[in-house]
């Protein structure tokens, strides 16, 4: 896992430098048998105000790690689009997860929840990952529900 972690962190640090003026997002997700941490940098950020109410939209890409309770850790690549307005928070994303020593999983993710402030949101997350090019009797699907805390900087 060390061979993958160092280049991933280097890529993450290098991609954050030119985007420092925009707001990055960090999500901490607790699932029944795993904990995930994701960091996304924006491709674009939009904010609209109407009659004192503001709506915020974020489209970003990033990296993450999922640590299973049994000790395995998987690298995750994330593409995420989310919006918050008033007390509502919603996000739709695509995940590519690469567990050590296995083929990759790919699939969608949906988050719905509450925005406490402009920068904090608590949401329920559902994701469904599949391994598209696997042969034999290995597990081909992985679906999870979790609770996600998202912070925007």
Protein backbone atom coordinates (compact mmCIF):
# COMPACT_ATOMS: atom_id res chain seq x y z
CA UNK A 1 0.00 0.00 0.00
CA UNK A 2 2.96 2.33 0.59
CA UNK A 3 3.85 2.34 -3.11
CA UNK A 4 0.38 3.67 -3.91
CA UNK A 5 0.02 6.09 -1.00
CA UNK A 6 3.06 8.30 -1.63
CA UNK A 7 2.27 9.09 -5.31
CA UNK A 8 -1.37 9.65 -4.41
CA UNK A 9 -0.49 12.17 -1.70
CA UNK A 10 1.98 13.90 -4.05
CA UNK A 11 -0.71 14.19 -6.72
CA UNK A 12 -3.16 15.53 -4.16
CA UNK A 13 -0.74 18.18 -2.88
CA UNK A 14 0.23 19.24 -6.40
CA UNK A 15 -3.35 19.63 -7.54
CA UNK A 16 -4.28 21.80 -4.55
CA UNK A 17 -1.71 24.56 -5.14
CA UNK A 18 -3.33 26.30 -8.15
CA UNK A 19 -6.81 25.88 -6.66
CA UNK A 20 -6.02 27.44 -3.30
CA UNK A 21 -8.40 30.35 -3.92
CA UNK A 22 -11.35 27.99 -4.29
CA UNK A 23 -12.85 25.88 -1.54
CA UNK A 24 -11.78 22.28 -1.03
CA UNK A 25 -14.06 19.74 0.66
CA UNK A 26 -13.24 17.02 3.17
CA UNK A 27 -15.70 14.23 3.95
CA UNK A 28 -15.51 11.74 6.80
CA UNK A 29 -17.80 8.76 6.26
CA UNK A 30 -18.65 6.02 8.74
CA UNK A 31 -20.13 2.87 7.24
CA UNK A 32 -21.11 -0.31 9.13
CA UNK A 33 -17.74 -2.01 8.59
CA UNK A 34 -15.47 0.78 7.34
CA UNK A 35 -14.42 4.41 7.70
CA UNK A 36 -13.60 6.58 4.70
CA UNK A 37 -11.89 9.94 4.35
CA UNK A 38 -12.14 11.89 1.07
CA UNK A 39 -10.58 15.14 -0.07
CA UNK A 40 -11.91 16.88 -3.20
CA UNK A 41 -10.63 19.98 -4.93
CA UNK A 42 -13.04 22.01 -7.05
CA UNK A 43 -13.24 22.12 -10.79
CA UNK A 44 -15.81 24.85 -10.34
CA UNK A 45 -17.72 26.50 -7.50
CA UNK A 46 -20.95 28.42 -8.00
CA UNK A 47 -22.96 30.52 -5.59
CA UNK A 48 -26.33 32.14 -6.32
CA UNK A 49 -28.29 34.47 -4.05
CA UNK A 50 -31.98 35.21 -4.31
CA UNK A 51 -33.91 37.28 -1.76
CA UNK A 52 -31.30 36.66 0.94
CA UNK A 53 -31.17 32.88 0.39
CA UNK A 54 -28.01 31.46 -1.10
CA UNK A 55 -27.45 28.24 -3.00
CA UNK A 56 -23.99 26.79 -3.36
CA UNK A 57 -22.84 24.21 -5.93
CA UNK A 58 -19.49 22.40 -6.07
CA UNK A 59 -18.10 20.19 -8.82
CA UNK A 60 -14.83 18.54 -7.87
CA UNK A 61 -12.43 15.62 -8.10
CA UNK A 62 -10.28 14.09 -5.43
CA UNK A 63 -8.76 11.19 -3.59
CA UNK A 64 -9.79 9.19 -0.59
CA UNK A 65 -9.03 6.20 1.57
CA UNK A 66 -11.41 3.61 2.98
CA UNK A 67 -10.16 1.67 5.99
CA UNK A 68 -12.04 -1.53 6.70
CA UNK A 69 -12.44 -2.61 10.32
CA UNK A 70 -10.54 -5.85 9.54
CA UNK A 71 -7.42 -3.84 8.63
CA UNK A 72 -7.49 -3.46 4.82
CA UNK A 73 -7.24 -0.02 3.24
CA UNK A 74 -8.43 0.88 -0.27
CA UNK A 75 -7.54 3.90 -2.39
CA UNK A 76 -10.51 5.83 -3.82
CA UNK A 77 -10.75 8.26 -6.73
CA UNK A 78 -13.77 10.55 -6.45
CA UNK A 79 -15.71 12.78 -8.86
CA UNK A 80 -18.38 14.69 -6.94
CA UNK A 81 -21.11 17.23 -7.63
CA UNK A 82 -22.95 18.65 -4.64
CA UNK A 83 -25.28 21.49 -3.80
CA UNK A 84 -26.57 23.07 -0.63
CA UNK A 85 -29.30 25.61 -0.18
CA UNK A 86 -31.03 26.59 3.01
CA UNK A 87 -30.85 23.47 5.19
CA UNK A 88 -30.68 20.94 2.32
CA UNK A 89 -27.51 19.20 1.13
CA UNK A 90 -27.36 16.80 -1.82
CA UNK A 91 -24.48 15.18 -3.68
CA UNK A 92 -24.04 12.79 -6.57
CA UNK A 93 -20.68 11.21 -7.24
CA UNK A 94 -18.73 8.54 -9.05
CA UNK A 95 -16.26 6.34 -7.18
CA UNK A 96 -13.37 4.18 -8.34
CA UNK A 97 -12.05 2.07 -5.46
CA UNK A 98 -8.86 0.02 -5.68
CA UNK A 99 -8.38 -2.48 -2.84
CA UNK A 100 -4.87 -3.89 -2.39
CA UNK A 101 -4.27 -7.04 -4.41
CA UNK A 102 -7.68 -6.98 -6.14
CA UNK A 103 -9.34 -5.49 -9.20
CA UNK A 104 -11.00 -2.11 -8.96
CA UNK A 105 -14.61 -1.34 -8.12
CA UNK A 106 -16.55 1.43 -9.86
CA UNK A 107 -19.99 2.91 -9.20
CA UNK A 108 -22.25 5.79 -8.18
CA UNK A 109 -22.82 7.45 -4.82
CA UNK A 110 -25.71 9.54 -3.52
CA UNK A 111 -25.78 11.74 -0.42
CA UNK A 112 -28.80 13.52 1.03
CA UNK A 113 -28.82 15.45 4.25
CA UNK A 114 -28.78 18.68 6.20
CA UNK A 115 -26.50 21.69 5.86
CA UNK A 116 -25.90 23.15 9.32
CA UNK A 117 -24.02 26.14 7.97
CA UNK A 118 -22.62 27.05 4.60
CA UNK A 119 -19.49 24.99 5.30
CA UNK A 120 -20.86 21.99 7.28
CA UNK A 121 -23.22 19.22 6.23
CA UNK A 122 -24.34 15.91 7.70
CA UNK A 123 -25.81 13.43 5.25
CA UNK A 124 -26.85 9.84 4.69
CA UNK A 125 -24.74 8.20 2.00
CA UNK A 126 -25.53 5.27 -0.23
CA UNK A 127 -23.09 3.79 -2.72
CA UNK A 128 -23.14 0.80 -5.03
CA UNK A 129 -19.81 -0.38 -6.40
CA UNK A 130 -19.29 -3.17 -8.92
CA UNK A 131 -16.23 -4.91 -10.29
CA UNK A 132 -17.01 -4.91 -14.04
CA UNK A 133 -14.28 -7.13 -15.49
CA UNK A 134 -13.99 -9.94 -12.94
CA UNK A 135 -14.11 -13.64 -13.76
CA UNK A 136 -14.96 -16.50 -11.46
CA UNK A 137 -16.70 -16.52 -8.10
CA UNK A 138 -15.07 -13.45 -6.52
CA UNK A 139 -17.36 -10.79 -4.98
CA UNK A 140 -18.57 -8.55 -7.78
CA UNK A 141 -20.73 -6.07 -5.85
CA UNK A 142 -20.35 -3.93 -2.80
CA UNK A 143 -23.19 -1.71 -1.54
CA UNK A 144 -22.92 0.43 1.56
CA UNK A 145 -24.92 2.92 3.57
CA UNK A 146 -23.17 5.38 5.80
CA UNK A 147 -23.24 8.67 7.63
CA UNK A 148 -21.07 11.45 6.12
CA UNK A 149 -19.81 14.67 7.65
CA UNK A 150 -18.70 17.11 4.93
CA UNK A 151 -16.68 20.25 5.64
CA UNK A 152 -15.84 22.93 3.08
CA UNK A 153 -12.76 25.12 3.58
